[in-house]
Amino acid sequence: MAERTPKGYKCLNCGKVHYPKHGRCLECKHQDFQEVELPSIGSLVTYTILKAPPSGIQKSSLLLGIVDLGEVRYTGQLDIDTDDIELGMKLRAVWKPVREIDGKMKSGFVWEPL
């Protein structure tokens, strides 16, 4: 199976890449996009600790971060010990289970240190 990579959405009019997908391009307001692969390595811009995670998350708190991938910034879960977090640190996207919904495990990208 091919390794999963984060996806973005490139405006077919002006070329701006978005994540997540929007109904209209934030730059030119065009409505047509093409799915593109994003880099799976980026740097941590900022983070927060969510003390009341949604149902299905088996943790009492959840670490969320914004990762700079060059053309876009990607928001997602971080799998890092809080004592080891440094802004600017290099992270990689790993596809793995993130929560349970209706008795089924759902997967998504989690960002881990390189």
N, C-alpha and C. Protein backbone atom coordinates (compact mmCIF):
# COMPACT_ATOMS: atom_id res chain seq x y z
N MET A 1 0.84 -1.19 0.00
CA MET A 1 0.00 0.00 0.00
C MET A 1 0.88 1.25 0.00
N ALA A 2 0.55 2.21 -0.81
CA ALA A 2 1.32 3.45 -0.89
C ALA A 2 1.16 4.25 0.40
N GLU A 3 2.22 4.94 0.77
CA GLU A 3 2.17 5.76 1.97
C GLU A 3 1.24 6.95 1.74
N ARG A 4 0.43 7.27 2.74
CA ARG A 4 -0.49 8.40 2.63
C ARG A 4 0.27 9.70 2.85
N THR A 5 -0.16 10.73 2.14
CA THR A 5 0.41 12.06 2.32
C THR A 5 -0.72 13.05 2.50
N PRO A 6 -0.47 14.14 3.22
CA PRO A 6 -1.52 15.16 3.37
C PRO A 6 -1.92 15.71 2.00
N LYS A 7 -3.19 16.10 1.89
CA LYS A 7 -3.71 16.64 0.64
C LYS A 7 -4.10 18.10 0.83
N GLY A 8 -3.92 18.87 -0.24
CA GLY A 8 -4.35 20.25 -0.28
C GLY A 8 -5.21 20.44 -1.51
N TYR A 9 -5.67 21.66 -1.71
CA TYR A 9 -6.58 21.94 -2.82
C TYR A 9 -6.09 23.19 -3.53
N LYS A 10 -5.69 23.01 -4.79
CA LYS A 10 -5.12 24.09 -5.59
C LYS A 10 -6.19 24.72 -6.46
N CYS A 11 -6.32 26.05 -6.36
CA CYS A 11 -7.27 26.79 -7.18
C CYS A 11 -6.86 26.67 -8.65
N LEU A 12 -7.81 26.29 -9.51
CA LEU A 12 -7.51 26.14 -10.92
C LEU A 12 -7.43 27.47 -11.65
N ASN A 13 -7.79 28.56 -10.97
CA ASN A 13 -7.71 29.88 -11.59
C ASN A 13 -6.40 30.58 -11.27
N CYS A 14 -6.07 30.70 -9.98
CA CYS A 14 -4.88 31.48 -9.60
C CYS A 14 -3.74 30.63 -9.06
N GLY A 15 -4.00 29.35 -8.73
CA GLY A 15 -2.94 28.47 -8.26
C GLY A 15 -2.71 28.44 -6.77
N LYS A 16 -3.46 29.24 -5.99
CA LYS A 16 -3.28 29.25 -4.54
C LYS A 16 -3.68 27.89 -3.98
N VAL A 17 -2.85 27.35 -3.08
CA VAL A 17 -3.12 26.07 -2.45
C VAL A 17 -3.76 26.31 -1.09
N HIS A 18 -4.83 25.57 -0.82
CA HIS A 18 -5.59 25.71 0.42
C HIS A 18 -5.60 24.41 1.22
N TYR A 19 -5.69 24.52 2.50
CA TYR A 19 -6.04 23.42 3.39
C TYR A 19 -6.66 24.06 4.61
N PRO A 20 -7.86 23.64 4.98
CA PRO A 20 -8.70 22.67 4.30
C PRO A 20 -9.33 23.27 3.05
N LYS A 21 -10.12 22.45 2.37
CA LYS A 21 -10.78 22.91 1.15
C LYS A 21 -11.85 23.94 1.51
N HIS A 22 -11.94 24.96 0.70
CA HIS A 22 -12.95 26.01 0.87
C HIS A 22 -13.91 25.97 -0.31
N GLY A 23 -15.07 26.57 -0.16
CA GLY A 23 -16.04 26.65 -1.24
C GLY A 23 -15.59 27.58 -2.36
N ARG A 24 -14.80 28.58 -1.98
CA ARG A 24 -14.25 29.54 -2.94
C ARG A 24 -12.79 29.80 -2.57
N CYS A 25 -12.00 30.10 -3.58
CA CYS A 25 -10.59 30.44 -3.35
C CYS A 25 -10.52 31.70 -2.49
N LEU A 26 -9.68 31.69 -1.49
CA LEU A 26 -9.53 32.85 -0.62
C LEU A 26 -8.84 34.02 -1.32
N GLU A 27 -8.17 33.72 -2.43
CA GLU A 27 -7.43 34.74 -3.17
C GLU A 27 -8.28 35.38 -4.27
N CYS A 28 -8.89 34.54 -5.13
CA CYS A 28 -9.58 35.06 -6.32
C CYS A 28 -11.07 34.75 -6.37
N LYS A 29 -11.58 34.00 -5.39
CA LYS A 29 -13.00 33.63 -5.28
C LYS A 29 -13.47 32.59 -6.29
N HIS A 30 -12.54 32.01 -7.05
CA HIS A 30 -12.88 30.95 -8.01
C HIS A 30 -13.38 29.73 -7.22
N GLN A 31 -14.18 28.86 -7.85
CA GLN A 31 -14.78 27.74 -7.13
C GLN A 31 -14.25 26.36 -7.54
N ASP A 32 -13.32 26.29 -8.46
CA ASP A 32 -12.82 24.99 -8.92
C ASP A 32 -11.42 24.73 -8.39
N PHE A 33 -11.23 23.52 -7.84
CA PHE A 33 -9.97 23.14 -7.22
C PHE A 33 -9.52 21.78 -7.74
N GLN A 34 -8.22 21.55 -7.62
CA GLN A 34 -7.62 20.24 -7.92
C GLN A 34 -6.93 19.77 -6.66
N GLU A 35 -7.15 18.50 -6.28
CA GLU A 35 -6.48 17.95 -5.12
C GLU A 35 -5.01 17.75 -5.44
N VAL A 36 -4.13 18.18 -4.54
CA VAL A 36 -2.68 18.05 -4.73
C VAL A 36 -2.07 17.46 -3.46
N GLU A 37 -0.95 16.77 -3.64
CA GLU A 37 -0.21 16.27 -2.47
C GLU A 37 0.54 17.42 -1.81
N LEU A 38 0.53 17.40 -0.48
CA LEU A 38 1.30 18.36 0.29
C LEU A 38 2.52 17.65 0.86
N PRO A 39 3.55 18.40 1.23
CA PRO A 39 4.70 17.77 1.87
C PRO A 39 4.27 17.08 3.17
N SER A 40 4.92 16.00 3.53
CA SER A 40 4.61 15.31 4.78
C SER A 40 5.58 15.70 5.89
N ILE A 41 6.43 16.67 5.61
CA ILE A 41 7.36 17.20 6.62
C ILE A 41 7.21 18.71 6.66
N GLY A 42 7.12 19.24 7.88
CA GLY A 42 6.98 20.69 8.05
C GLY A 42 7.53 21.12 9.38
N SER A 43 7.31 22.38 9.72
CA SER A 43 7.82 22.90 11.01
C SER A 43 6.67 23.45 11.83
N LEU A 44 6.76 23.27 13.14
CA LEU A 44 5.72 23.68 14.07
C LEU A 44 5.69 25.19 14.22
N VAL A 45 4.52 25.78 13.95
CA VAL A 45 4.34 27.23 14.07
C VAL A 45 3.84 27.59 15.47
N THR A 46 2.83 26.87 15.94
CA THR A 46 2.26 27.10 17.26
C THR A 46 1.48 25.86 17.68
N TYR A 47 1.08 25.81 18.94
CA TYR A 47 0.32 24.66 19.44
C TYR A 47 -0.56 25.08 20.60
N THR A 48 -1.50 24.22 20.94
CA THR A 48 -2.36 24.44 22.10
C THR A 48 -2.72 23.08 22.69
N ILE A 49 -3.15 23.08 23.93
CA ILE A 49 -3.59 21.86 24.58
C ILE A 49 -5.09 21.97 24.79
N LEU A 50 -5.84 21.05 24.21
CA LEU A 50 -7.29 21.01 24.33
C LEU A 50 -7.62 20.15 25.54
N LYS A 51 -8.16 20.76 26.58
CA LYS A 51 -8.43 20.06 27.84
C LYS A 51 -9.76 19.31 27.84
N ALA A 52 -10.63 19.56 26.86
CA ALA A 52 -11.91 18.87 26.76
C ALA A 52 -12.07 18.33 25.34
N PRO A 53 -11.34 17.24 25.00
CA PRO A 53 -11.41 16.71 23.64
C PRO A 53 -12.80 16.16 23.32
N PRO A 54 -13.12 16.07 22.02
CA PRO A 54 -14.42 15.53 21.61
C PRO A 54 -14.57 14.06 21.98
N SER A 55 -15.81 13.59 21.97
CA SER A 55 -16.05 12.18 22.29
C SER A 55 -15.32 11.30 21.28
N GLY A 56 -14.92 10.15 21.75
CA GLY A 56 -14.20 9.21 20.90
C GLY A 56 -12.69 9.33 21.03
N ILE A 57 -12.22 10.40 21.65
CA ILE A 57 -10.78 10.58 21.90
C ILE A 57 -10.50 9.94 23.26
N GLN A 58 -9.57 9.02 23.29
CA GLN A 58 -9.30 8.26 24.51
C GLN A 58 -8.35 8.96 25.48
N LYS A 59 -7.97 10.20 25.17
CA LYS A 59 -7.04 10.94 26.02
C LYS A 59 -7.79 12.01 26.80
N SER A 60 -7.26 12.38 27.97
CA SER A 60 -7.91 13.42 28.78
C SER A 60 -7.65 14.81 28.23
N SER A 61 -6.59 14.96 27.45
CA SER A 61 -6.31 16.23 26.77
C SER A 61 -5.69 15.90 25.42
N LEU A 62 -5.72 16.86 24.53
CA LEU A 62 -5.26 16.64 23.17
C LEU A 62 -4.35 17.79 22.76
N LEU A 63 -3.22 17.45 22.22
CA LEU A 63 -2.25 18.44 21.76
C LEU A 63 -2.50 18.71 20.28
N LEU A 64 -2.78 19.96 19.93
CA LEU A 64 -3.05 20.36 18.56
C LEU A 64 -2.01 21.37 18.12
N GLY A 65 -1.63 21.32 16.86
CA GLY A 65 -0.62 22.25 16.37
C GLY A 65 -0.91 22.72 14.97
N ILE A 66 -0.23 23.79 14.58
CA ILE A 66 -0.25 24.29 13.22
C ILE A 66 1.14 24.05 12.66
N VAL A 67 1.19 23.32 11.52
CA VAL A 67 2.45 22.92 10.92
C VAL A 67 2.59 23.65 9.58
N ASP A 68 3.70 24.35 9.40
CA ASP A 68 3.98 25.07 8.15
C ASP A 68 4.56 24.10 7.14
N LEU A 69 3.84 23.94 6.01
CA LEU A 69 4.29 23.02 4.95
C LEU A 69 4.79 23.78 3.73
N GLY A 70 5.04 25.07 3.88
CA GLY A 70 5.50 25.88 2.75
C GLY A 70 4.37 26.69 2.16
N GLU A 71 3.59 26.07 1.26
CA GLU A 71 2.48 26.79 0.62
C GLU A 71 1.29 26.96 1.54
N VAL A 72 1.10 26.06 2.49
CA VAL A 72 -0.05 26.09 3.39
C VAL A 72 0.39 25.75 4.81
N ARG A 73 -0.51 26.03 5.73
CA ARG A 73 -0.34 25.61 7.11
C ARG A 73 -1.42 24.59 7.41
N TYR A 74 -1.03 23.50 8.06
CA TYR A 74 -1.89 22.35 8.29
C TYR A 74 -2.14 22.23 9.79
N THR A 75 -3.39 22.16 10.19
CA THR A 75 -3.75 22.00 11.59
C THR A 75 -4.01 20.54 11.88
N GLY A 76 -3.45 20.03 12.98
CA GLY A 76 -3.68 18.63 13.30
C GLY A 76 -3.17 18.26 14.68
N GLN A 77 -3.39 16.99 15.02
CA GLN A 77 -2.95 16.46 16.31
C GLN A 77 -1.43 16.31 16.31
N LEU A 78 -0.85 16.52 17.48
CA LEU A 78 0.58 16.33 17.67
C LEU A 78 0.79 15.13 18.59
N ASP A 79 1.77 14.31 18.28
CA ASP A 79 2.15 13.19 19.13
C ASP A 79 3.56 13.48 19.65
N ILE A 80 3.61 14.38 20.64
CA ILE A 80 4.88 14.85 21.20
C ILE A 80 4.67 15.02 22.70
N ASP A 81 5.65 14.69 23.47
CA ASP A 81 5.60 14.99 24.89
C ASP A 81 5.70 16.51 25.05
N THR A 82 4.84 17.09 25.87
CA THR A 82 4.82 18.55 26.01
C THR A 82 6.17 19.12 26.46
N ASP A 83 6.97 18.33 27.17
CA ASP A 83 8.29 18.81 27.60
C ASP A 83 9.27 18.92 26.43
N ASP A 84 8.97 18.26 25.32
CA ASP A 84 9.87 18.24 24.17
C ASP A 84 9.47 19.19 23.04
N ILE A 85 8.38 19.92 23.22
CA ILE A 85 7.90 20.81 22.15
C ILE A 85 8.79 22.05 22.03
N GLU A 86 9.14 22.35 20.79
CA GLU A 86 9.87 23.58 20.48
C GLU A 86 9.27 24.18 19.22
N LEU A 87 8.92 25.45 19.24
CA LEU A 87 8.43 26.08 18.03
C LEU A 87 9.53 26.01 16.98
N GLY A 88 9.13 25.71 15.75
CA GLY A 88 10.09 25.57 14.66
C GLY A 88 10.61 24.16 14.48
N MET A 89 10.31 23.26 15.41
CA MET A 89 10.81 21.89 15.30
C MET A 89 10.23 21.22 14.06
N LYS A 90 11.00 20.30 13.46
CA LYS A 90 10.57 19.58 12.28
C LYS A 90 9.67 18.42 12.68
N LEU A 91 8.54 18.28 11.95
CA LEU A 91 7.57 17.24 12.21
C LEU A 91 7.25 16.51 10.92
N ARG A 92 6.77 15.27 11.06
CA ARG A 92 6.33 14.51 9.89
C ARG A 92 4.92 14.00 10.14
N ALA A 93 4.16 13.88 9.06
CA ALA A 93 2.79 13.39 9.13
C ALA A 93 2.78 11.87 9.11
N VAL A 94 2.06 11.27 10.05
CA VAL A 94 1.92 9.82 10.13
C VAL A 94 0.42 9.50 10.18
N TRP A 95 -0.03 8.60 9.30
CA TRP A 95 -1.44 8.20 9.24
C TRP A 95 -1.67 7.13 10.30
N LYS A 96 -2.59 7.41 11.25
CA LYS A 96 -2.87 6.41 12.28
C LYS A 96 -4.22 6.69 12.92
N PRO A 97 -4.74 5.73 13.72
CA PRO A 97 -6.03 5.93 14.37
C PRO A 97 -6.00 7.16 15.29
N VAL A 98 -7.09 7.96 15.22
CA VAL A 98 -7.13 9.17 16.03
C VAL A 98 -8.33 9.24 16.97
N ARG A 99 -9.44 8.55 16.60
CA ARG A 99 -10.62 8.57 17.48
C ARG A 99 -11.59 7.48 17.08
N GLU A 100 -12.54 7.22 17.96
CA GLU A 100 -13.57 6.23 17.71
C GLU A 100 -14.91 6.94 17.52
N ILE A 101 -15.61 6.59 16.43
CA ILE A 101 -16.93 7.16 16.16
C ILE A 101 -17.86 6.00 15.84
N ASP A 102 -18.98 5.91 16.57
CA ASP A 102 -19.96 4.84 16.37
C ASP A 102 -19.31 3.46 16.42
N GLY A 103 -18.38 3.28 17.34
CA GLY A 103 -17.73 1.99 17.53
C GLY A 103 -16.66 1.65 16.51
N LYS A 104 -16.35 2.58 15.60
CA LYS A 104 -15.34 2.32 14.58
C LYS A 104 -14.18 3.31 14.74
N MET A 105 -12.96 2.77 14.64
CA MET A 105 -11.78 3.64 14.72
C MET A 105 -11.63 4.43 13.43
N LYS A 106 -11.40 5.72 13.55
CA LYS A 106 -11.17 6.60 12.41
C LYS A 106 -9.71 7.03 12.44
N SER A 107 -9.10 7.08 11.27
CA SER A 107 -7.68 7.45 11.17
C SER A 107 -7.53 8.84 10.58
N GLY A 108 -6.39 9.42 10.81
CA GLY A 108 -6.06 10.73 10.28
C GLY A 108 -4.58 10.98 10.46
N PHE A 109 -4.13 12.14 10.03
CA PHE A 109 -2.72 12.48 10.18
C PHE A 109 -2.43 12.99 11.57
N VAL A 110 -1.37 12.48 12.15
CA VAL A 110 -0.85 12.93 13.43
C VAL A 110 0.58 13.35 13.16
N TRP A 111 1.00 14.47 13.73
CA TRP A 111 2.34 15.02 13.48
C TRP A 111 3.28 14.60 14.59
N GLU A 112 4.40 13.98 14.19
CA GLU A 112 5.40 13.47 15.12
C GLU A 112 6.76 14.12 14.82
N PRO A 113 7.63 14.19 15.83
CA PRO A 113 8.98 14.74 15.58
C PRO A 113 9.75 13.86 14.61
N LEU A 114 10.62 14.48 13.83
CA LEU A 114 11.49 13.72 12.92
C LEU A 114 12.53 12.96 13.73
